[in-house]
Amino acid sequence: PTVGLWLLASGFRHLASGIWHLASGIWHLASGFWLPASGFWLPASGIWHLASGIWHLWLRLRRAMGLPFRFRSVDGNKADQAPHMAKIFPCRSLCRLGNVTSFSLIHFTMIVTTAQLFKHAYGKYAVGAYNINNAEQAMGLFRGAIDSKAPFIIQISKGARKYTDKRMLEAIIRAGDKIFPEAIFAVHLDHGDEETCYDCINSGFYSSVMIDASHESFEQNVAITKRVVDAAHKKGISVEAELGKLGGVEEDIKVEDGHATLTNPEEAQKFVALTGCDSLACAIGTSHGAFKFKGKQSLHFDVLTKIKNLLPNYPLVMHGSSSVPKEEVDRINKAGGTIKDSSGVNVEEYLPAAKLGVTKINIDTDGRLVWTRVHREFFRDKPSEFDFRPVGKIFMDEYAKFIVSRNQLLGSAGQLDSLRASLAK
């Protein structure tokens, strides 16, 4: 608010100064030729001041509309230490707020932290966290989110960062942000180790990281998580941690069913107090991959309720929450696939979990199934086709529809305007 008032006052001051300089310049020109240099210089100065005043007023208007600021540092790549302020100025001559010396072309974005999203979502809905690996997934995700008017979280795993190059994914997301300026989202590292977390924290791009030390002892998990939290919070970045062990396969990590353990509610309370993490991924019965449950099983709402009671108003996270739709698997198998005995989370349990404090639900496998189904069916039906663009367009449309359907089930659809107003306060 202080910055906004300062900019408003500065805008009026520059406008007044500009008008005065214009009048002064015209007067000098009219008064004769004894000050020709001054006559030309002052009108130019007046025009510059007018433009500056209008620019300041425009900035103030953007702020009043709920679009706070985040500044890029002078190298045009590193972010400042307040990414949660949500505005990126991709220019080479900007310093931090309060010490702005010069400006160039500005692009506004709405990358926010997961903590900001969770504050608005808590107890009402869950934010969908979707993993991407390429441009087609990113386009489908942005389109689906805008079509459903929902905030979202873009998740980038270690595997995705290695698939092409981490800079390639960042560039794709930046492009998506420019194409869809109305989107509000967080950029999140999924299942990071300590080294990867520090790389993302220092990149100036990520607004949130997940440190996964759940395979370590409780004491080690606390120590590692605390180090990451300390580093991230210095730069205004949110941190997600994990306690308990989910079964299944996540990238290069495999946890057998016999070694999967549910989160202990008392340990969760202690863990959050010791680490200061912003959200906690809990093991409440889900698992990674397409083979989650044997027989009929649902989430352990009893465990979730106990955690919520011990950690009131604290954001919880569900990993391994793809539903693995039977119709998708059946269509894949009819088109030549051999996926057997797959099962997933009941989508009707998403919203009840959200009412119990789950604010982030991770969905990755389902998106891969959509990709596999579209491509298998396309090349089965068109075996002579070799252009990947037609099938890519089909996938983007199908993935966007999938995102809409999941956002509706999560309760996040239609929340975009309310969130924007909340961020403006």
Protein backbone atom coordinates (compact mmCIF):
# COMPACT_ATOMS: atom_id res chain seq x y z
CA PRO A 1 0.00 0.00 0.00
CA THR A 2 2.84 2.40 0.82
CA VAL A 3 4.40 1.78 -2.59
CA GLY A 4 1.02 2.25 -4.24
CA LEU A 5 0.45 5.61 -2.53
CA TRP A 6 3.98 6.69 -3.36
CA LEU A 7 3.50 5.81 -7.01
CA LEU A 8 0.14 7.61 -7.10
CA ALA A 9 1.59 10.76 -5.55
CA SER A 10 4.61 10.54 -7.84
CA GLY A 11 2.29 10.16 -10.82
CA PHE A 12 0.34 13.32 -9.99
CA ARG A 13 3.55 15.19 -9.26
CA HIS A 14 5.04 14.22 -12.60
CA LEU A 15 1.82 15.14 -14.40
CA ALA A 16 1.78 18.56 -12.78
CA SER A 17 5.49 18.99 -13.54
CA GLY A 18 4.92 17.92 -17.12
CA ILE A 19 2.09 20.38 -17.68
CA TRP A 20 4.17 23.15 -16.10
CA HIS A 21 7.16 22.35 -18.30
CA LEU A 22 4.97 22.30 -21.42
CA ALA A 23 3.47 25.65 -20.51
CA SER A 24 6.91 27.01 -19.71
CA GLY A 25 8.26 25.71 -23.00
CA ILE A 26 5.44 27.26 -25.01
CA TRP A 27 5.94 30.54 -23.16
CA HIS A 28 9.65 30.54 -23.93
CA LEU A 29 8.99 29.85 -27.60
CA ALA A 30 6.35 32.58 -27.73
CA SER A 31 8.50 35.13 -25.91
CA GLY A 32 11.00 35.35 -28.71
CA PHE A 33 14.16 33.73 -29.90
CA TRP A 34 16.47 34.73 -27.10
CA LEU A 35 16.10 31.27 -25.49
CA PRO A 36 15.61 28.92 -28.46
CA ALA A 37 17.54 26.10 -26.84
CA SER A 38 15.49 26.34 -23.67
CA GLY A 39 12.33 26.55 -25.76
CA PHE A 40 12.98 23.22 -27.39
CA TRP A 41 14.40 21.51 -24.34
CA LEU A 42 11.54 22.35 -21.98
CA PRO A 43 8.73 20.98 -24.20
CA ALA A 44 10.71 17.76 -24.61
CA SER A 45 11.15 17.61 -20.86
CA GLY A 46 7.44 18.26 -20.41
CA ILE A 47 6.49 15.41 -22.73
CA TRP A 48 8.89 13.10 -20.89
CA HIS A 49 7.40 14.08 -17.52
CA LEU A 50 3.87 13.55 -18.82
CA ALA A 51 4.78 10.09 -20.07
CA SER A 52 6.43 9.31 -16.75
CA GLY A 53 3.36 10.48 -14.85
CA ILE A 54 1.01 8.39 -16.98
CA TRP A 55 3.29 5.38 -16.54
CA HIS A 56 3.26 5.78 -12.75
CA LEU A 57 -0.53 6.07 -12.72
CA TRP A 58 -0.77 2.96 -14.87
CA LEU A 59 1.40 1.06 -12.41
CA ARG A 60 -0.83 2.19 -9.58
CA LEU A 61 -3.93 1.09 -11.48
CA ARG A 62 -2.42 -2.38 -12.04
CA ARG A 63 -1.70 -2.63 -8.33
CA ALA A 64 -5.25 -1.58 -7.46
CA MET A 65 -6.52 -4.37 -9.73
CA GLY A 66 -4.79 -6.91 -7.54
CA LEU A 67 -1.59 -7.39 -9.47
CA PRO A 68 1.27 -7.04 -6.96
CA PHE A 69 4.89 -6.75 -7.98
CA ARG A 70 7.92 -8.97 -8.29
CA PHE A 71 11.13 -7.52 -9.65
CA ARG A 72 13.86 -9.10 -11.72
CA SER A 73 17.41 -8.18 -10.81
CA VAL A 74 19.87 -6.54 -13.15
CA ASP A 75 20.99 -9.72 -14.89
CA GLY A 76 17.44 -10.24 -16.18
CA ASN A 77 17.36 -13.78 -14.86
CA LYS A 78 17.65 -13.86 -11.07
CA ALA A 79 14.55 -13.01 -9.07
CA ASP A 80 14.59 -10.84 -6.03
CA GLN A 81 13.95 -12.14 -2.55
CA ALA A 82 10.18 -11.71 -2.67
CA PRO A 83 8.77 -13.96 -5.41
CA HIS A 84 5.54 -14.17 -3.43
CA MET A 85 4.84 -10.59 -4.57
CA ALA A 86 3.95 -12.25 -7.86
CA LYS A 87 5.06 -9.81 -10.53
CA ILE A 88 7.95 -10.41 -12.87
CA PHE A 89 9.65 -7.51 -14.63
CA PRO A 90 11.83 -9.17 -17.31
CA CYS A 91 14.14 -6.28 -18.00
CA ARG A 92 17.83 -5.73 -17.60
CA SER A 93 17.77 -2.44 -15.71
CA LEU A 94 15.55 -3.00 -12.70
CA CYS A 95 16.58 -2.97 -9.08
CA ARG A 96 14.47 -4.03 -6.13
CA LEU A 97 11.39 -2.30 -4.85
CA GLY A 98 12.39 0.90 -3.07
CA ASN A 99 15.53 1.33 -5.16
CA VAL A 100 14.24 1.44 -8.71
CA THR A 101 16.63 3.33 -10.93
CA SER A 102 15.45 2.64 -14.46
CA PHE A 103 12.85 0.62 -16.31
CA SER A 104 12.31 -1.09 -19.62
CA LEU A 105 9.41 -3.02 -21.16
CA ILE A 106 7.37 -4.77 -18.48
CA HIS A 107 5.48 -8.06 -18.62
CA PHE A 108 3.10 -8.84 -15.81
CA THR A 109 2.71 -12.43 -14.68
CA MET A 110 0.79 -14.15 -11.92
CA ILE A 111 3.17 -16.76 -10.58
CA VAL A 112 2.39 -17.02 -6.88
CA THR A 113 3.59 -19.25 -4.07
CA THR A 114 1.74 -22.37 -3.05
CA ALA A 115 1.29 -20.79 0.40
CA GLN A 116 -0.77 -18.01 -1.22
CA LEU A 117 -2.91 -20.52 -3.07
CA PHE A 118 -3.43 -22.66 0.03
CA LYS A 119 -4.53 -19.72 2.16
CA HIS A 120 -7.44 -19.14 -0.19
CA ALA A 121 -8.24 -22.80 -0.77
CA TYR A 122 -8.10 -24.15 2.79
CA GLY A 123 -11.25 -26.01 3.79
CA LYS A 124 -13.05 -25.12 0.55
CA TYR A 125 -11.27 -26.79 -2.33
CA ALA A 126 -7.98 -28.35 -3.38
CA VAL A 127 -5.61 -26.97 -6.01
CA GLY A 128 -4.69 -29.39 -8.76
CA ALA A 129 -0.94 -30.00 -9.10
CA TYR A 130 -0.14 -31.29 -12.58
CA ASN A 131 3.21 -32.54 -13.84
CA ILE A 132 4.41 -31.42 -17.26
CA ASN A 133 7.28 -32.57 -19.45
CA ASN A 134 6.71 -30.86 -22.79
CA ALA A 135 4.98 -28.03 -24.64
CA GLU A 136 1.84 -30.01 -25.47
CA GLN A 137 1.18 -30.79 -21.81
CA ALA A 138 1.82 -27.17 -20.84
CA MET A 139 -0.60 -25.82 -23.46
CA GLY A 140 -3.30 -28.31 -22.48
CA LEU A 141 -2.84 -27.45 -18.81
CA PHE A 142 -3.07 -23.69 -19.32
CA ARG A 143 -6.09 -24.04 -21.60
CA GLY A 144 -7.90 -26.34 -19.20
CA ALA A 145 -7.19 -24.09 -16.24
CA ILE A 146 -8.47 -20.99 -18.04
CA ASP A 147 -11.52 -22.82 -19.40
CA SER A 148 -12.42 -23.90 -15.86
CA LYS A 149 -11.32 -20.58 -14.30
CA ALA A 150 -9.16 -22.39 -11.79
CA PRO A 151 -5.78 -21.69 -10.19
CA PHE A 152 -3.27 -24.49 -10.59
CA ILE A 153 0.21 -25.71 -9.75
CA ILE A 154 2.71 -26.65 -12.44
CA GLN A 155 4.90 -29.44 -11.12
CA ILE A 156 8.34 -30.13 -12.52
CA SER A 157 10.03 -33.32 -11.37
CA LYS A 158 13.72 -34.15 -11.45
CA GLY A 159 13.00 -36.44 -14.39
CA ALA A 160 11.23 -33.66 -16.28
CA ARG A 161 14.19 -31.33 -15.71
CA LYS A 162 16.48 -33.94 -17.26
CA TYR A 163 14.14 -34.96 -20.11
CA THR A 164 15.21 -32.06 -22.33
CA ASP A 165 16.78 -29.36 -20.20
CA LYS A 166 15.45 -27.48 -17.18
CA ARG A 167 15.79 -24.22 -19.10
CA MET A 168 13.59 -25.55 -21.88
CA LEU A 169 10.72 -26.24 -19.47
CA GLU A 170 11.14 -22.84 -17.84
CA ALA A 171 10.95 -21.18 -21.26
CA ILE A 172 7.79 -23.12 -22.11
CA ILE A 173 6.13 -22.04 -18.87
CA ARG A 174 7.17 -18.41 -19.37
CA ALA A 175 5.65 -18.55 -22.86
CA GLY A 176 2.45 -20.04 -21.46
CA ASP A 177 2.27 -17.23 -18.93
CA LYS A 178 2.45 -14.64 -21.72
CA ILE A 179 -0.13 -16.45 -23.86
CA PHE A 180 -2.53 -16.81 -20.90
CA PRO A 181 -1.95 -13.63 -18.81
CA GLU A 182 -5.11 -14.23 -16.78
CA ALA A 183 -3.74 -17.48 -15.32
CA ILE A 184 -2.76 -17.67 -11.63
CA PHE A 185 -0.42 -20.51 -10.78
CA ALA A 186 2.58 -21.68 -8.80
CA VAL A 187 5.72 -23.26 -10.23
CA HIS A 188 6.71 -26.17 -8.01
CA LEU A 189 9.58 -28.64 -7.83
CA ASP A 190 8.13 -32.12 -7.31
CA HIS A 191 10.02 -34.68 -5.20
CA GLY A 192 13.30 -32.83 -5.03
CA ASP A 193 16.43 -33.86 -3.20
CA GLU A 194 18.37 -31.26 -1.25
CA GLU A 195 20.72 -30.33 -4.08
CA THR A 196 17.89 -29.91 -6.60
CA CYS A 197 15.91 -27.81 -4.12
CA TYR A 198 18.80 -25.36 -3.74
CA ASP A 199 19.20 -25.15 -7.52
CA CYS A 200 15.51 -24.28 -7.90
CA ILE A 201 15.55 -21.82 -4.99
CA ASN A 202 18.49 -19.97 -6.50
CA SER A 203 17.10 -20.05 -10.05
CA GLY A 204 14.68 -17.18 -9.42
CA PHE A 205 11.94 -19.04 -11.29
CA TYR A 206 10.32 -21.48 -8.88
CA SER A 207 7.83 -20.19 -6.32
CA SER A 208 7.70 -23.47 -4.39
CA VAL A 209 9.84 -26.57 -3.83
CA MET A 210 9.24 -29.99 -2.35
CA ILE A 211 12.00 -31.62 -0.35
CA ASP A 212 11.43 -35.36 -0.16
CA ALA A 213 13.50 -36.89 2.59
CA SER A 214 10.74 -39.28 3.66
CA HIS A 215 13.00 -42.26 3.00
CA GLU A 216 15.35 -41.05 5.75
CA SER A 217 14.89 -41.45 9.49
CA PHE A 218 12.60 -38.96 11.23
CA GLU A 219 15.59 -37.04 12.62
CA GLN A 220 17.33 -36.88 9.26
CA ASN A 221 14.13 -35.88 7.51
CA VAL A 222 13.74 -33.03 9.99
CA ALA A 223 17.35 -31.87 9.57
CA ILE A 224 17.30 -31.90 5.77
CA THR A 225 13.89 -30.27 5.54
CA LYS A 226 14.88 -27.54 8.00
CA ARG A 227 17.92 -26.62 5.92
CA VAL A 228 15.82 -26.33 2.77
CA VAL A 229 13.14 -24.32 4.58
CA ASP A 230 15.71 -21.86 5.88
CA ALA A 231 17.16 -21.33 2.41
CA ALA A 232 13.77 -21.04 0.70
CA HIS A 233 12.14 -18.72 3.21
CA LYS A 234 14.98 -16.23 2.81
CA LYS A 235 13.74 -15.76 -0.75
CA GLY A 236 10.01 -15.96 -0.03
CA ILE A 237 9.64 -19.44 -1.54
CA SER A 238 7.23 -22.03 -0.12
CA VAL A 239 8.39 -25.49 0.96
CA GLU A 240 6.49 -28.78 0.93
CA ALA A 241 7.86 -31.77 2.83
CA GLU A 242 6.78 -35.39 3.17
CA LEU A 243 6.29 -37.64 6.16
CA GLY A 244 5.41 -41.31 5.83
CA LYS A 245 6.10 -43.50 2.82
CA LEU A 246 3.80 -43.87 -0.17
CA GLY A 247 3.95 -47.15 -2.06
CA GLY A 248 4.46 -47.44 -5.80
CA VAL A 249 6.96 -45.96 -8.22
CA GLU A 250 7.85 -42.26 -8.46
CA GLU A 251 10.53 -41.57 -11.08
CA ASP A 252 13.57 -43.52 -9.80
CA ILE A 253 12.12 -44.20 -6.32
CA LYS A 254 10.30 -47.47 -5.71
CA VAL A 255 8.62 -48.34 -2.43
CA GLU A 256 7.22 -51.86 -2.06
CA ASP A 257 3.79 -52.19 -0.46
CA GLY A 258 5.25 -53.87 2.60
CA HIS A 259 7.47 -50.85 3.27
CA ALA A 260 4.80 -48.19 2.75
CA THR A 261 3.78 -46.54 6.02
CA LEU A 262 0.96 -44.15 6.86
CA THR A 263 1.81 -40.79 8.39
CA ASN A 264 1.75 -40.76 12.18
CA PRO A 265 -0.40 -37.75 13.24
CA GLU A 266 1.68 -37.01 16.35
CA GLU A 267 4.89 -37.16 14.33
CA ALA A 268 3.32 -34.84 11.75
CA GLN A 269 2.61 -32.24 14.41
CA LYS A 270 6.14 -32.48 15.73
CA PHE A 271 7.67 -32.45 12.24
CA VAL A 272 5.91 -29.22 11.23
CA ALA A 273 6.93 -27.52 14.49
CA LEU A 274 10.59 -28.51 14.06
CA THR A 275 10.96 -27.71 10.35
CA GLY A 276 8.64 -24.79 9.67
CA CYS A 277 7.62 -26.28 6.31
CA ASP A 278 4.62 -24.61 4.64
CA SER A 279 2.74 -27.78 3.72
CA LEU A 280 3.05 -31.48 4.41
CA ALA A 281 2.51 -34.42 2.08
CA CYS A 282 0.92 -37.18 4.12
CA ALA A 283 0.72 -40.89 3.43
CA ILE A 284 -2.99 -41.62 3.88
CA GLY A 285 -3.43 -44.60 1.58
CA THR A 286 -2.52 -43.33 -1.88
CA SER A 287 0.45 -44.56 -3.89
CA HIS A 288 2.39 -43.49 -6.94
CA GLY A 289 1.84 -44.91 -10.40
CA ALA A 290 -1.08 -46.74 -12.04
CA PHE A 291 -1.31 -49.65 -9.60
CA LYS A 292 -2.45 -48.10 -6.33
CA PHE A 293 -4.85 -50.46 -4.62
CA LYS A 294 -5.45 -54.18 -4.46
CA GLY A 295 -9.16 -54.83 -4.23
CA LYS A 296 -11.45 -52.07 -2.91
CA GLN A 297 -9.80 -49.49 -0.74
CA SER A 298 -10.24 -45.81 -0.02
CA LEU A 299 -8.32 -43.04 1.63
CA HIS A 300 -7.67 -43.30 5.36
CA PHE A 301 -9.93 -40.44 6.41
CA ASP A 302 -9.43 -41.42 10.05
CA VAL A 303 -5.71 -40.63 9.78
CA LEU A 304 -6.41 -37.44 7.84
CA THR A 305 -8.90 -36.28 10.49
CA LYS A 306 -6.40 -36.86 13.29
CA ILE A 307 -3.73 -34.87 11.46
CA LYS A 308 -6.16 -32.01 10.83
CA ASN A 309 -7.13 -31.91 14.50
CA LEU A 310 -3.48 -31.68 15.57
CA LEU A 311 -2.59 -29.21 12.80
CA PRO A 312 -5.64 -26.95 12.40
CA ASN A 313 -5.60 -24.60 9.40
CA TYR A 314 -2.42 -26.23 8.15
CA PRO A 315 -2.20 -27.17 4.43
CA LEU A 316 -1.91 -30.90 3.72
CA VAL A 317 -0.97 -32.52 0.42
CA MET A 318 -2.08 -35.75 -1.28
CA HIS A 319 0.45 -37.41 -3.55
CA GLY A 320 -0.28 -40.30 -5.89
CA SER A 321 -3.84 -39.13 -6.41
CA SER A 322 -4.52 -40.09 -10.03
CA SER A 323 -7.78 -41.96 -10.52
CA VAL A 324 -6.43 -44.22 -13.34
CA PRO A 325 -9.77 -44.20 -15.21
CA LYS A 326 -10.81 -47.66 -16.38
CA GLU A 327 -12.14 -46.27 -19.65
CA GLU A 328 -8.73 -44.78 -20.44
CA VAL A 329 -6.95 -48.05 -19.67
CA ASP A 330 -9.47 -50.06 -21.70
CA ARG A 331 -9.05 -47.81 -24.74
CA ILE A 332 -5.27 -48.00 -24.45
CA ASN A 333 -5.39 -51.80 -24.32
CA LYS A 334 -7.77 -51.96 -27.30
CA ALA A 335 -5.24 -49.90 -29.23
CA GLY A 336 -2.39 -52.30 -28.46
CA GLY A 337 -1.51 -51.55 -24.85
CA THR A 338 -1.01 -54.16 -22.14
CA ILE A 339 -1.78 -52.28 -18.90
CA LYS A 340 -3.25 -54.77 -16.42
CA ASP A 341 -4.67 -54.68 -12.89
CA SER A 342 -4.44 -50.90 -12.66
CA SER A 343 -6.44 -48.91 -10.13
CA GLY A 344 -6.52 -45.43 -8.69
CA VAL A 345 -8.05 -43.03 -6.21
CA ASN A 346 -11.82 -42.55 -6.18
CA VAL A 347 -12.37 -39.03 -7.56
CA GLU A 348 -15.40 -38.63 -5.30
CA GLU A 349 -12.96 -38.54 -2.37
CA TYR A 350 -11.10 -35.46 -3.60
CA LEU A 351 -13.51 -32.86 -2.21
CA PRO A 352 -14.11 -34.61 1.15
CA ALA A 353 -10.33 -34.65 1.59
CA ALA A 354 -10.20 -30.95 0.74
CA LYS A 355 -12.76 -30.23 3.46
CA LEU A 356 -10.34 -31.88 5.90
CA GLY A 357 -7.42 -29.61 5.05
CA VAL A 358 -5.97 -31.13 1.87
CA THR A 359 -5.18 -28.09 -0.28
CA LYS A 360 -3.01 -29.69 -2.97
CA ILE A 361 -3.73 -32.90 -4.88
CA ASN A 362 -1.07 -34.29 -7.22
CA ILE A 363 -2.22 -35.77 -10.52
CA ASP A 364 0.39 -37.11 -12.94
CA THR A 365 -0.37 -40.67 -14.07
CA ASP A 366 -3.81 -39.75 -15.43
CA GLY A 367 -2.23 -37.19 -17.75
CA ARG A 368 0.17 -39.83 -19.07
CA LEU A 369 -2.77 -42.15 -19.72
CA VAL A 370 -4.50 -39.45 -21.77
CA TRP A 371 -1.31 -38.99 -23.80
CA THR A 372 -0.92 -42.74 -24.35
CA ARG A 373 -4.56 -43.27 -25.33
CA VAL A 374 -4.58 -40.40 -27.84
CA HIS A 375 -1.36 -41.46 -29.53
CA ARG A 376 -2.09 -45.19 -29.62
CA GLU A 377 -5.54 -44.65 -31.12
CA PHE A 378 -4.31 -42.06 -33.62
CA PHE A 379 -1.54 -44.20 -35.08
CA ARG A 380 -3.68 -47.34 -34.96
CA ASP A 381 -6.32 -45.60 -37.07
CA LYS A 382 -3.80 -43.81 -39.30
CA PRO A 383 -0.84 -46.19 -39.64
CA SER A 384 0.58 -44.29 -42.61
CA GLU A 385 0.68 -40.99 -40.73
CA PHE A 386 4.08 -39.72 -39.63
CA ASP A 387 3.36 -36.07 -38.83
CA PHE A 388 3.23 -35.73 -35.04
CA ARG A 389 1.47 -32.35 -35.10
CA PRO A 390 -2.09 -33.55 -35.81
CA VAL A 391 -1.98 -35.98 -32.91
CA GLY A 392 -0.33 -33.33 -30.77
CA LYS A 393 -3.27 -31.00 -31.37
CA ILE A 394 -5.70 -33.74 -30.45
CA PHE A 395 -3.78 -34.40 -27.24
CA MET A 396 -3.76 -30.71 -26.24
CA ASP A 397 -7.54 -30.57 -26.63
CA GLU A 398 -8.08 -33.84 -24.76
CA TYR A 399 -5.71 -32.88 -21.95
CA ALA A 400 -7.43 -29.50 -21.57
CA LYS A 401 -10.77 -31.31 -21.21
CA PHE A 402 -9.21 -33.63 -18.65
CA ILE A 403 -7.89 -30.66 -16.62
CA VAL A 404 -11.34 -29.07 -16.64
CA SER A 405 -12.91 -32.30 -15.36
CA ARG A 406 -10.38 -32.65 -12.54
CA ASN A 407 -10.65 -29.01 -11.47
CA GLN A 408 -14.40 -29.45 -11.20
CA LEU A 409 -13.93 -32.51 -8.97
CA LEU A 410 -11.34 -30.68 -6.84
CA GLY A 411 -13.67 -27.72 -6.34
CA SER A 412 -11.11 -25.29 -7.79
CA ALA A 413 -13.14 -24.54 -10.93
CA GLY A 414 -14.56 -21.03 -10.84
CA GLN A 415 -12.24 -19.87 -8.05
CA LEU A 416 -9.97 -17.67 -10.18
CA ASP A 417 -11.74 -14.33 -9.69
CA SER A 418 -12.17 -14.87 -5.96
CA LEU A 419 -8.48 -15.73 -5.63
CA ARG A 420 -7.44 -12.67 -7.61
CA ALA A 421 -9.48 -10.43 -5.31
CA SER A 422 -7.97 -12.14 -2.28
CA LEU A 423 -4.43 -11.59 -3.53
CA ALA A 424 -5.20 -7.90 -4.00
CA LYS A 425 -5.97 -7.36 -0.32
